[in-house]
Amino acid sequence: MPKISIILPTFNVEKYIAKALESCINQ
C-alpha cells in the first residue's frame, strides 16, 4: 500500500509536467 501512494502522486506529476510542456510547445 505505501508503494502505491508513492507511485500515484508521481504519476500524476509526470502527467501534469507533460501537459505543461505540451502547452509551452503549442504556444
N, C-alpha and C. Protein backbone atom coordinates (compact mmCIF):
# COMPACT_ATOMS: atom_id res chain seq x y z
N MET A 1 0.82 -1.22 0.00
CA MET A 1 0.00 0.00 0.00
C MET A 1 0.86 1.28 0.00
N PRO A 2 1.87 1.41 0.85
CA PRO A 2 2.69 2.64 0.81
C PRO A 2 3.31 2.87 -0.56
N LYS A 3 3.70 1.77 -1.22
CA LYS A 3 4.31 1.90 -2.56
C LYS A 3 3.33 2.56 -3.51
N ILE A 4 2.06 2.15 -3.47
CA ILE A 4 1.05 2.70 -4.38
C ILE A 4 0.87 4.19 -4.13
N SER A 5 0.83 4.60 -2.86
CA SER A 5 0.60 6.02 -2.56
C SER A 5 1.79 6.87 -2.98
N ILE A 6 2.96 6.25 -3.12
CA ILE A 6 4.13 6.99 -3.63
C ILE A 6 4.09 7.06 -5.15
N ILE A 7 3.69 5.95 -5.77
CA ILE A 7 3.69 5.88 -7.24
C ILE A 7 2.60 6.78 -7.83
N LEU A 8 1.41 6.77 -7.24
CA LEU A 8 0.29 7.52 -7.82
C LEU A 8 0.57 9.02 -7.91
N PRO A 9 0.99 9.70 -6.84
CA PRO A 9 1.29 11.13 -6.97
C PRO A 9 2.39 11.40 -8.00
N THR A 10 3.39 10.55 -8.04
CA THR A 10 4.47 10.72 -9.02
C THR A 10 3.91 10.63 -10.43
N PHE A 11 3.02 9.67 -10.66
CA PHE A 11 2.41 9.50 -11.97
C PHE A 11 1.61 10.75 -12.34
N ASN A 12 0.87 11.29 -11.36
CA ASN A 12 0.07 12.49 -11.62
C ASN A 12 0.97 13.68 -11.95
N VAL A 13 2.08 13.79 -11.25
CA VAL A 13 3.01 14.90 -11.51
C VAL A 13 3.60 14.77 -12.91
N GLU A 14 3.96 13.55 -13.29
CA GLU A 14 4.50 13.35 -14.64
C GLU A 14 3.48 13.76 -15.69
N LYS A 15 2.22 13.39 -15.47
CA LYS A 15 1.16 13.76 -16.41
C LYS A 15 1.04 15.28 -16.49
N TYR A 16 1.10 15.95 -15.33
CA TYR A 16 0.96 17.40 -15.28
C TYR A 16 2.12 18.08 -16.01
N ILE A 17 3.33 17.58 -15.78
CA ILE A 17 4.52 18.15 -16.44
C ILE A 17 4.42 17.97 -17.95
N ALA A 18 3.97 16.79 -18.38
CA ALA A 18 3.83 16.53 -19.81
C ALA A 18 2.83 17.51 -20.42
N LYS A 19 1.73 17.77 -19.71
CA LYS A 19 0.72 18.71 -20.21
C LYS A 19 1.29 20.12 -20.28
N ALA A 20 2.01 20.52 -19.25
CA ALA A 20 2.60 21.86 -19.21
C ALA A 20 3.59 22.03 -20.36
N LEU A 21 4.43 21.03 -20.58
CA LEU A 21 5.40 21.10 -21.68
C LEU A 21 4.67 21.21 -23.01
N GLU A 22 3.60 20.44 -23.15
CA GLU A 22 2.85 20.45 -24.41
C GLU A 22 2.28 21.85 -24.69
N SER A 23 1.70 22.47 -23.66
CA SER A 23 1.12 23.80 -23.88
C SER A 23 2.21 24.84 -24.15
N CYS A 24 3.38 24.65 -23.57
CA CYS A 24 4.51 25.56 -23.86
C CYS A 24 4.93 25.43 -25.32
N ILE A 25 4.97 24.20 -25.81
CA ILE A 25 5.39 23.96 -27.20
C ILE A 25 4.34 24.49 -28.18
N ASN A 26 3.07 24.35 -27.81
CA ASN A 26 1.99 24.74 -28.72
C ASN A 26 1.84 26.26 -28.83
N GLN A 27 2.31 26.99 -27.84
CA GLN A 27 2.12 28.45 -27.85
C GLN A 27 2.96 29.12 -28.92
